[in-house]
């Protein structure tokens, strides 16, 4: 942008900030306005700025079409432009030349790369711990079983033996899930149809959904290509997401409500000229706060009470989708909705070995 000296006043700090007051916020320490009248030797280079427009009613997301906040990242490079060489004294300022480049996608990819590394490291650590726990816990379960078998059914020993077995099995189930964080089962992948897997997952949760008065809607196209997948693993992902949606809906609507809805849709999309199968889980539950959304996939991070969640369901789901060369993204507005989008490559694409 080039400004004539007579126009500089129109772009003064007081005028600009007053015009855009209450519209954009950023990092607290970030400058709100640039008055760039520097020599080329003192130019601003590669300054990253985070812009967070405040939520206004009717504002739509630039990625989802759903009302909600947008966060953008920009890179600023700017310098003063003069009528003569910068070394000449009393040179006349013609204006400011600058470029603002949208680097939101770059920042997003960097964050995803870091998170993928963190998840991989956490998965390896968790798997190691799970291996160490497995042997003694099964010993405890076996000894508890002996107590149950050799005690009177009405005795305290029998009662406590059964409790030990139940809690031991809970731990064993948890270690099994931890092991799946780092386990790859590519050799068990085969061509499967998503529109067949989704109904199978719903069969196991149908009674729970009906009991909770949750309205289920689906838009599952059969005109989609098959994917190369481990059906048991994809089935596990679907169950995790359905249970998360069920919890969110019950928290927002303890009783029956017309908006207590879980929607699952499935269709074919093109990404970089390749065919993918897109599965969307959408619920109108309590949603996820923005400050938590970036942590929600981290292992052992949960907003649920201890008895209702371990914090590894989404981590396992993310790991499974990644091992299938796919991508899982989560969008949410607190109090309004949560939307989980899964993109899995069609059979024509190469599968990770």
Protein backbone atom coordinates (compact mmCIF):
# COMPACT_ATOMS: atom_id res chain seq x y z
CA UNK A 1 0.00 0.00 0.00
CA UNK A 2 1.33 3.50 -0.88
CA UNK A 3 0.06 6.53 1.05
CA UNK A 4 0.45 10.14 0.02
CA UNK A 5 1.80 12.28 2.91
CA UNK A 6 -1.44 14.29 2.91
CA UNK A 7 -3.37 11.07 3.60
CA UNK A 8 -1.24 9.89 6.50
CA UNK A 9 -3.47 11.70 9.01
CA UNK A 10 -6.46 9.66 7.81
CA UNK A 11 -4.60 6.53 8.82
CA UNK A 12 -3.45 7.78 12.22
CA UNK A 13 -3.63 5.52 15.24
CA UNK A 14 -6.58 7.40 16.79
CA UNK A 15 -8.65 7.35 13.59
CA UNK A 16 -7.99 3.71 12.70
CA UNK A 17 -8.42 2.25 16.17
CA UNK A 18 -11.66 4.17 16.70
CA UNK A 19 -13.03 2.87 13.40
CA UNK A 20 -12.24 -0.76 14.21
CA UNK A 21 -12.92 -0.69 17.94
CA UNK A 22 -14.63 -3.81 19.31
CA UNK A 23 -14.23 -5.64 15.99
CA UNK A 24 -10.88 -7.35 16.21
CA UNK A 25 -8.83 -8.59 19.11
CA UNK A 26 -5.36 -10.09 19.11
CA UNK A 27 -2.59 -11.18 21.42
CA UNK A 28 -2.38 -8.75 24.34
CA UNK A 29 1.23 -7.79 23.58
CA UNK A 30 0.70 -7.41 19.84
CA UNK A 31 0.68 -3.90 18.30
CA UNK A 32 -2.80 -2.79 17.29
CA UNK A 33 -1.68 -0.48 14.48
CA UNK A 34 1.36 -0.02 12.25
CA UNK A 35 2.60 3.46 11.45
CA UNK A 36 5.44 2.29 9.20
CA UNK A 37 7.63 5.22 8.15
CA UNK A 38 10.99 3.48 8.36
CA UNK A 39 13.96 3.33 6.06
CA UNK A 40 14.48 0.20 4.07
CA UNK A 41 17.27 -0.72 6.47
CA UNK A 42 14.80 -0.77 9.38
CA UNK A 43 11.89 -2.52 7.69
CA UNK A 44 9.55 -4.90 9.49
CA UNK A 45 10.09 -8.46 8.31
CA UNK A 46 8.03 -11.62 8.85
CA UNK A 47 6.07 -10.32 11.83
CA UNK A 48 3.38 -12.88 12.74
CA UNK A 49 0.04 -11.59 14.04
CA UNK A 50 -2.93 -13.53 15.35
CA UNK A 51 -6.33 -11.96 14.60
CA UNK A 52 -9.43 -13.04 16.48
CA UNK A 53 -12.60 -11.25 15.31
CA UNK A 54 -15.06 -10.95 18.16
CA UNK A 55 -18.24 -13.01 17.72
CA UNK A 56 -21.07 -11.01 16.18
CA UNK A 57 -24.57 -12.34 15.70
CA UNK A 58 -25.00 -13.54 12.15
CA UNK A 59 -21.29 -14.00 11.52
CA UNK A 60 -20.45 -17.20 9.70
CA UNK A 61 -17.27 -19.24 9.81
CA UNK A 62 -15.18 -19.04 6.65
CA UNK A 63 -14.64 -22.80 6.75
CA UNK A 64 -17.87 -24.34 8.04
CA UNK A 65 -20.67 -21.91 7.17
CA UNK A 66 -21.75 -22.18 10.81
CA UNK A 67 -21.90 -19.18 13.10
CA UNK A 68 -18.81 -18.93 15.25
CA UNK A 69 -15.41 -17.32 15.85
CA UNK A 70 -12.65 -17.21 13.25
CA UNK A 71 -8.96 -17.07 14.11
CA UNK A 72 -6.51 -15.98 11.41
CA UNK A 73 -2.74 -15.70 11.32
CA UNK A 74 -0.97 -13.12 9.17
CA UNK A 75 2.65 -12.33 8.34
CA UNK A 76 3.52 -8.64 7.88
CA UNK A 77 6.45 -7.23 5.91
CA UNK A 78 6.55 -3.44 5.52
CA UNK A 79 8.96 -0.60 4.68
CA UNK A 80 8.95 3.12 4.02
CA UNK A 81 9.04 4.31 0.37
CA UNK A 82 10.92 7.52 -0.42
CA UNK A 83 11.40 9.70 -3.52
CA UNK A 84 15.18 9.40 -3.20
CA UNK A 85 17.74 6.96 -1.88
CA UNK A 86 17.48 6.30 1.85
CA UNK A 87 20.97 7.69 2.38
CA UNK A 88 19.97 11.19 1.16
CA UNK A 89 19.14 13.63 3.94
CA UNK A 90 15.69 15.30 4.10
CA UNK A 91 14.26 12.86 1.59
CA UNK A 92 10.50 12.98 1.02
CA UNK A 93 8.31 10.12 2.26
CA UNK A 94 6.00 8.85 -0.47
CA UNK A 95 4.28 6.30 1.70
CA UNK A 96 4.56 2.79 3.01
CA UNK A 97 4.92 -0.40 1.04
CA UNK A 98 3.81 -3.57 2.74
CA UNK A 99 2.52 -7.09 2.30
CA UNK A 100 0.20 -8.95 4.64
CA UNK A 101 0.19 -12.67 3.88
CA UNK A 102 -2.36 -15.12 5.26
CA UNK A 103 -0.38 -17.93 6.93
CA UNK A 104 -3.30 -19.53 8.78
CA UNK A 105 -2.93 -22.84 6.93
CA UNK A 106 0.83 -22.90 7.57
CA UNK A 107 0.32 -22.35 11.32
CA UNK A 108 -2.40 -25.01 11.38
CA UNK A 109 -0.14 -27.58 9.67
CA UNK A 110 2.71 -26.78 12.07
CA UNK A 111 0.42 -27.28 15.07
CA UNK A 112 -0.86 -30.57 13.64
CA UNK A 113 2.70 -31.78 13.07
CA UNK A 114 3.70 -30.96 16.65
CA UNK A 115 0.59 -32.62 18.03
CA UNK A 116 1.18 -35.73 15.93
CA UNK A 117 4.68 -36.01 17.38
CA UNK A 118 3.36 -35.54 20.90
CA UNK A 119 0.69 -38.19 20.39
CA UNK A 120 3.22 -40.65 18.99
CA UNK A 121 5.56 -40.12 21.95
CA UNK A 122 2.71 -40.38 24.43
CA UNK A 123 1.43 -43.52 22.72
CA UNK A 124 4.82 -45.22 23.00
CA UNK A 125 5.11 -44.26 26.68
CA UNK A 126 1.56 -45.39 27.43
CA UNK A 127 2.13 -48.70 25.64
CA UNK A 128 5.25 -49.34 27.70
CA UNK A 129 3.40 -48.64 30.94
CA UNK A 130 0.48 -50.83 29.81
CA UNK A 131 2.81 -53.76 29.16
CA UNK A 132 4.23 -53.45 32.68
CA UNK A 133 0.74 -53.31 34.22
CA UNK A 134 -0.76 -56.19 32.25
CA UNK A 135 1.05 -59.10 33.92
CA UNK A 136 0.39 -58.18 37.58
CA UNK A 137 -3.20 -57.11 36.94
CA UNK A 138 -4.10 -60.47 35.39
CA UNK A 139 -2.46 -62.14 38.37
CA UNK A 140 -4.69 -60.10 40.69
CA UNK A 141 -7.79 -61.02 38.65
CA UNK A 142 -6.89 -64.72 38.77
CA UNK A 143 -6.33 -64.71 42.54
CA UNK A 144 -9.62 -62.84 43.02
CA UNK A 145 -11.33 -65.50 40.91
CA UNK A 146 -9.94 -68.20 43.22
CA UNK A 147 -11.34 -66.34 46.24
CA UNK A 148 -14.76 -66.11 44.57
CA UNK A 149 -14.74 -69.79 43.60
CA UNK A 150 -13.70 -71.04 47.05
CA UNK A 151 -15.86 -68.77 49.21
CA UNK A 152 -19.51 -68.88 50.20
CA UNK A 153 -21.72 -66.78 47.94
CA UNK A 154 -23.08 -64.80 50.90
CA UNK A 155 -19.68 -64.13 52.47
CA UNK A 156 -17.78 -60.84 52.50
CA UNK A 157 -14.84 -62.57 50.80
CA UNK A 158 -17.05 -63.57 47.86
CA UNK A 159 -18.47 -60.05 47.58
CA UNK A 160 -15.09 -58.30 47.74
CA UNK A 161 -13.51 -60.88 45.43
CA UNK A 162 -16.06 -60.05 42.74
CA UNK A 163 -15.43 -56.32 43.23
CA UNK A 164 -11.68 -56.89 42.84
CA UNK A 165 -12.32 -58.80 39.62
CA UNK A 166 -14.56 -56.03 38.24
CA UNK A 167 -12.06 -53.29 39.00
CA UNK A 168 -9.20 -55.44 37.73
CA UNK A 169 -11.01 -56.00 34.45
CA UNK A 170 -11.53 -52.24 34.16
CA UNK A 171 -7.78 -51.73 34.47
CA UNK A 172 -7.13 -54.53 31.97
CA UNK A 173 -9.54 -52.90 29.52
CA UNK A 174 -7.79 -49.55 29.98
CA UNK A 175 -4.35 -51.07 29.31
CA UNK A 176 -5.76 -52.70 26.17
CA UNK A 177 -6.86 -49.27 24.94
CA UNK A 178 -3.48 -47.79 25.83
CA UNK A 179 -1.73 -50.45 23.78
CA UNK A 180 -3.88 -49.55 20.78
CA UNK A 181 -2.43 -46.01 20.88
CA UNK A 182 0.84 -47.31 19.42
CA UNK A 183 -0.29 -50.47 17.69
CA UNK A 184 -0.51 -50.58 13.91
CA UNK A 185 -2.62 -53.26 12.28
CA UNK A 186 -2.17 -52.46 8.59
CA UNK A 187 -1.99 -56.18 7.78
CA UNK A 188 -5.65 -56.55 8.79
CA UNK A 189 -6.91 -53.91 6.38
CA UNK A 190 -9.21 -54.84 3.53
CA UNK A 191 -11.75 -53.12 1.24
CA UNK A 192 -14.83 -52.15 3.25
CA UNK A 193 -17.92 -50.02 2.72
CA UNK A 194 -18.50 -47.28 5.26
CA UNK A 195 -22.28 -47.39 4.73
CA UNK A 196 -22.18 -50.95 6.07
CA UNK A 197 -19.98 -50.15 9.08
CA UNK A 198 -22.07 -47.26 10.41
CA UNK A 199 -25.32 -49.28 10.88
CA UNK A 200 -23.32 -52.00 12.64
CA UNK A 201 -22.00 -49.44 15.13
CA UNK A 202 -25.49 -48.04 15.65
CA UNK A 203 -26.88 -51.49 16.48
CA UNK A 204 -24.74 -51.55 19.63
CA UNK A 205 -25.84 -48.08 20.75
CA UNK A 206 -29.45 -48.00 19.51
CA UNK A 207 -30.94 -49.03 22.86
CA UNK A 208 -28.89 -46.40 24.73
CA UNK A 209 -29.84 -43.64 22.28
CA UNK A 210 -33.54 -44.52 22.50
CA UNK A 211 -33.39 -44.72 26.29
CA UNK A 212 -31.85 -41.23 26.40
CA UNK A 213 -34.50 -39.87 23.98
CA UNK A 214 -31.82 -38.93 21.47
CA UNK A 215 -33.14 -38.32 17.96
CA UNK A 216 -30.93 -39.95 15.35
CA UNK A 217 -30.76 -38.68 11.78
CA UNK A 218 -28.62 -40.07 9.00
CA UNK A 219 -27.73 -39.14 5.45
CA UNK A 220 -25.51 -42.01 4.37
CA UNK A 221 -24.98 -42.27 0.65
CA UNK A 222 -24.36 -45.67 -0.91
CA UNK A 223 -22.85 -44.03 -3.97
CA UNK A 224 -19.38 -43.87 -2.42
CA UNK A 225 -16.20 -45.84 -3.06
CA UNK A 226 -14.90 -48.46 -0.68
CA UNK A 227 -11.96 -47.73 1.61
CA UNK A 228 -9.04 -49.92 2.67
CA UNK A 229 -9.49 -50.27 6.42
CA UNK A 230 -9.45 -52.44 9.48
CA UNK A 231 -13.23 -52.64 10.11
CA UNK A 232 -12.81 -53.33 13.84
CA UNK A 233 -10.72 -50.19 14.29
CA UNK A 234 -13.07 -47.96 12.29
CA UNK A 235 -15.96 -49.48 14.24
CA UNK A 236 -14.16 -48.47 17.47
CA UNK A 237 -13.81 -44.88 16.21
CA UNK A 238 -17.52 -44.69 15.42
CA UNK A 239 -18.47 -46.06 18.84
CA UNK A 240 -16.20 -43.52 20.58
CA UNK A 241 -17.75 -40.62 18.67
CA UNK A 242 -21.32 -41.81 19.24
CA UNK A 243 -20.68 -42.16 22.99
CA UNK A 244 -19.13 -38.67 23.13
CA UNK A 245 -22.14 -37.21 21.33
CA UNK A 246 -24.50 -39.08 23.65
CA UNK A 247 -22.75 -37.63 26.72
CA UNK A 248 -22.81 -34.08 25.30
CA UNK A 249 -26.51 -34.29 24.44
CA UNK A 250 -27.47 -35.71 27.84
CA UNK A 251 -25.53 -32.95 29.60
CA UNK A 252 -27.41 -30.27 27.66
CA UNK A 253 -30.80 -32.00 27.55
CA UNK A 254 -31.34 -34.25 30.61
CA UNK A 255 -34.86 -34.97 29.36
CA UNK A 256 -36.59 -35.26 26.01
CA UNK A 257 -36.10 -32.33 23.62
CA UNK A 258 -36.73 -31.69 19.92
CA UNK A 259 -33.13 -30.47 19.52
CA UNK A 260 -31.57 -33.51 21.20
CA UNK A 261 -30.23 -34.69 17.86
CA UNK A 262 -27.28 -36.74 16.63
CA UNK A 263 -26.70 -36.63 12.88
CA UNK A 264 -24.34 -38.85 10.89
CA UNK A 265 -23.72 -38.18 7.21
CA UNK A 266 -21.45 -39.85 4.69
CA UNK A 267 -20.54 -38.84 1.15
CA UNK A 268 -17.76 -38.71 -1.42
CA UNK A 269 -15.46 -35.67 -1.67
CA UNK A 270 -12.45 -34.68 -3.76
CA UNK A 271 -9.31 -33.52 -1.94
CA UNK A 272 -6.37 -32.52 -4.15
CA UNK A 273 -8.01 -34.40 -7.05
CA UNK A 274 -8.23 -37.64 -5.03
CA UNK A 275 -11.43 -39.33 -3.90
CA UNK A 276 -12.09 -39.50 -0.17
CA UNK A 277 -14.98 -40.76 1.88
CA UNK A 278 -16.16 -38.12 4.36
CA UNK A 279 -18.05 -39.10 7.51
CA UNK A 280 -19.52 -36.34 9.69
CA UNK A 281 -20.79 -36.75 13.26
CA UNK A 282 -22.82 -33.70 14.32
CA UNK A 283 -24.52 -33.22 17.67
CA UNK A 284 -26.30 -30.26 19.23
CA UNK A 285 -24.91 -30.89 22.69
CA UNK A 286 -22.95 -28.77 25.14
CA UNK A 287 -20.08 -28.15 22.72
CA UNK A 288 -16.40 -27.68 23.54
CA UNK A 289 -14.86 -24.37 24.74
CA UNK A 290 -12.27 -22.90 22.36
CA UNK A 291 -9.50 -23.04 24.97
CA UNK A 292 -10.09 -26.79 25.38
CA UNK A 293 -10.61 -27.68 21.72
CA UNK A 294 -6.87 -27.76 20.99
CA UNK A 295 -6.29 -30.18 23.91
CA UNK A 296 -9.28 -32.45 23.46
CA UNK A 297 -7.37 -35.11 21.49
CA UNK A 298 -4.48 -35.26 23.97
CA UNK A 299 -4.27 -38.61 25.81
CA UNK A 300 -5.89 -38.61 29.28
CA UNK A 301 -7.42 -35.14 28.78
CA UNK A 302 -11.13 -35.23 29.52
CA UNK A 303 -13.89 -32.92 30.72
CA UNK A 304 -15.99 -35.87 31.88
CA UNK A 305 -16.21 -37.11 35.49
CA UNK A 306 -13.79 -40.01 36.27
CA UNK A 307 -16.55 -42.61 36.12
CA UNK A 308 -17.68 -41.46 32.66
CA UNK A 309 -14.44 -41.10 30.71
CA UNK A 310 -10.74 -41.92 30.67
CA UNK A 311 -9.62 -39.25 28.20
CA UNK A 312 -8.14 -41.64 25.64
CA UNK A 313 -11.11 -42.31 23.33
CA UNK A 314 -10.39 -39.41 20.97
CA UNK A 315 -6.63 -40.06 21.12
CA UNK A 316 -7.19 -43.64 20.03
CA UNK A 317 -9.62 -42.50 17.33
CA UNK A 318 -7.16 -39.93 16.00
CA UNK A 319 -4.39 -42.53 15.96
CA UNK A 320 -6.58 -45.04 14.09
CA UNK A 321 -7.63 -42.50 11.46
CA UNK A 322 -4.01 -41.39 11.00
CA UNK A 323 -2.92 -45.02 10.51
CA UNK A 324 -5.51 -45.22 7.74
CA UNK A 325 -3.96 -42.21 5.94
CA UNK A 326 -7.01 -40.20 6.93
CA UNK A 327 -7.71 -37.01 8.81
CA UNK A 328 -10.03 -36.19 11.72
CA UNK A 329 -10.96 -32.61 12.58
CA UNK A 330 -13.22 -31.26 15.31
CA UNK A 331 -15.23 -28.03 15.20
CA UNK A 332 -17.37 -26.78 18.05
CA UNK A 333 -19.24 -23.81 19.50
CA UNK A 334 -19.91 -24.03 23.26
CA UNK A 335 -23.60 -24.51 23.94
CA UNK A 336 -24.44 -25.04 20.27
CA UNK A 337 -22.80 -27.98 18.52
CA UNK A 338 -19.84 -30.28 18.00
CA UNK A 339 -18.90 -31.50 14.54
CA UNK A 340 -16.36 -34.25 13.91
CA UNK A 341 -15.25 -34.67 10.30
CA UNK A 342 -13.38 -37.79 9.18
CA UNK A 343 -11.83 -38.04 5.71
CA UNK A 344 -10.61 -41.49 4.63
CA UNK A 345 -8.94 -42.18 1.27
CA UNK A 346 -10.76 -44.35 -1.24
CA UNK A 347 -9.30 -47.70 -2.29
CA UNK A 348 -7.35 -46.16 -5.15
CA UNK A 349 -5.00 -44.32 -2.77
CA UNK A 350 -1.86 -45.87 -1.30
CA UNK A 351 -2.26 -47.09 2.27
CA UNK A 352 0.42 -46.44 4.88
CA UNK A 353 2.66 -49.45 5.49
